[in-house]
Amino acid sequence: MNISKLSALTGVSVRSLRYYEAKGILRSERLENGYRDFQESAVDRVKLIQLYLGLGLSSNEIAHIIDCPVSISDQKPLCEKAIKAYQSKLAEVENQIEILQKLRLQLYQRISNYVET
């Protein structure tokens, strides 16, 4: 299938699909006319990329785990490097939450100083 059809089937822009291909996380063949030709499995791969992006992983992080077996229906275990990527992202998120909670407290304190005076 061509890139426009893949875009239509996944809801992902052509520009993003080209970016995924440039990063090596999406693959296509080239036809004689130079157009990209994606296999049907590219739809599921793009959905997986979108899932990972939604989890906050960068395209570089995704490149390291994209070929790990992931199947909700079979409940196959993730490969170790995917689990490590998840753990690393979770630690990063927890750190950001801590920073934001401290900031929230400081803002509440500043507001209460002005409201009470």
Protein backbone atom coordinates (compact mmCIF):
# COMPACT_ATOMS: atom_id res chain seq x y z
CA MET A 1 0.00 0.00 0.00
CA ASN A 2 1.17 3.55 -0.58
CA ILE A 3 1.90 6.06 2.16
CA SER A 4 -1.37 7.94 1.65
CA LYS A 5 -3.41 4.79 2.25
CA LEU A 6 -1.34 3.94 5.33
CA SER A 7 -1.95 7.46 6.59
CA ALA A 8 -5.69 7.12 6.01
CA LEU A 9 -5.87 3.72 7.72
CA THR A 10 -3.92 4.81 10.80
CA GLY A 11 -4.85 8.47 11.14
CA VAL A 12 -1.15 9.34 11.21
CA SER A 13 0.10 12.08 8.92
CA VAL A 14 2.23 11.30 5.89
CA ARG A 15 4.91 13.53 7.38
CA SER A 16 4.99 11.47 10.58
CA LEU A 17 5.14 8.22 8.61
CA ARG A 18 8.13 9.54 6.67
CA TYR A 19 9.76 10.51 9.96
CA TYR A 20 9.16 7.02 11.38
CA GLU A 21 10.77 5.57 8.29
CA ALA A 22 13.75 7.91 8.56
CA LYS A 23 14.21 6.84 12.21
CA GLY A 24 14.16 3.18 11.16
CA ILE A 25 11.02 2.25 13.11
CA LEU A 26 8.86 1.80 10.01
CA ARG A 27 9.94 0.03 6.84
CA SER A 28 8.83 0.12 3.23
CA GLU A 29 9.96 -1.13 -0.12
CA ARG A 30 10.49 1.22 -3.04
CA LEU A 31 8.61 0.62 -6.26
CA GLU A 32 10.20 1.25 -9.66
CA ASN A 33 8.61 4.70 -9.72
CA GLY A 34 10.25 5.51 -6.36
CA TYR A 35 7.01 5.40 -4.37
CA ARG A 36 6.98 3.73 -0.99
CA ASP A 37 5.15 0.41 -0.73
CA PHE A 38 4.13 -0.68 2.77
CA GLN A 39 3.03 -4.17 3.74
CA GLU A 40 -0.36 -4.63 5.43
CA SER A 41 1.48 -5.28 8.71
CA ALA A 42 2.61 -1.64 8.66
CA VAL A 43 -0.83 -0.64 9.98
CA ASP A 44 -0.26 -2.59 13.21
CA ARG A 45 3.30 -1.33 13.44
CA VAL A 46 2.18 2.30 13.18
CA LYS A 47 -0.43 1.65 15.87
CA LEU A 48 2.29 0.19 18.08
CA ILE A 49 4.48 3.24 17.44
CA GLN A 50 1.56 5.45 18.41
CA LEU A 51 1.05 3.42 21.60
CA TYR A 52 4.70 3.87 22.54
CA LEU A 53 4.60 7.58 21.76
CA GLY A 54 1.50 7.82 23.95
CA LEU A 55 3.49 6.24 26.77
CA GLY A 56 6.00 9.07 26.40
CA LEU A 57 8.75 7.12 24.68
CA SER A 58 10.90 8.97 22.16
CA SER A 59 11.45 7.68 18.64
CA ASN A 60 14.99 6.70 19.66
CA GLU A 61 13.65 4.70 22.61
CA ILE A 62 11.05 3.12 20.35
CA ALA A 63 13.76 2.11 17.87
CA HIS A 64 15.35 -0.05 20.59
CA ILE A 65 12.17 -1.93 21.47
CA ILE A 66 9.97 -1.86 18.35
CA ASP A 67 10.86 -5.41 17.37
CA CYS A 68 10.15 -6.87 20.81
CA PRO A 69 7.24 -9.31 20.79
CA VAL A 70 4.11 -7.57 22.05
CA SER A 71 0.80 -9.35 21.94
CA ILE A 72 -2.07 -8.61 24.27
CA SER A 73 -4.11 -11.50 22.88
CA ASP A 74 -1.40 -14.13 23.48
CA GLN A 75 -0.12 -12.38 26.60
CA LYS A 76 3.44 -12.91 25.40
CA PRO A 77 5.95 -11.37 27.78
CA LEU A 78 7.74 -8.25 26.66
CA CYS A 79 11.42 -8.58 25.99
CA GLU A 80 13.75 -7.39 28.72
CA LYS A 81 14.80 -4.22 26.91
CA ALA A 82 11.14 -3.14 26.58
CA ILE A 83 10.59 -3.69 30.30
CA LYS A 84 13.71 -1.63 31.05
CA ALA A 85 12.48 1.16 28.77
CA TYR A 86 9.14 1.16 30.62
CA GLN A 87 10.89 1.22 33.99
CA SER A 88 13.13 4.07 32.91
CA LYS A 89 10.18 6.09 31.61
CA LEU A 90 8.24 5.38 34.81
CA ALA A 91 11.14 6.66 36.94
CA GLU A 92 11.29 9.78 34.78
CA VAL A 93 7.54 10.35 35.17
CA GLU A 94 7.70 9.84 38.93
CA ASN A 95 10.53 12.38 39.14
CA GLN A 96 8.51 14.88 37.11
CA ILE A 97 5.49 14.32 39.37
CA GLU A 98 7.63 15.03 42.43
CA ILE A 99 8.94 18.24 40.88
CA LEU A 100 5.43 19.34 39.92
CA GLN A 101 4.07 18.57 43.40
CA LYS A 102 6.77 20.77 44.94
CA LEU A 103 5.98 23.52 42.47
CA ARG A 104 2.26 23.23 43.25
CA LEU A 105 2.96 23.57 46.97
CA GLN A 106 5.11 26.64 46.39
CA LEU A 107 2.38 28.22 44.28
CA TYR A 108 -0.29 27.49 46.90
CA GLN A 109 1.94 29.07 49.53
CA ARG A 110 2.52 32.18 47.40
CA ILE A 111 -1.19 32.52 46.71
CA SER A 112 -2.13 32.05 50.34
CA ASN A 113 0.36 34.76 51.34
CA TYR A 114 -1.45 37.26 49.13
CA VAL A 115 -4.98 36.12 49.95
CA GLU A 116 -4.49 36.20 53.74
CA THR A 117 -2.93 39.69 53.91
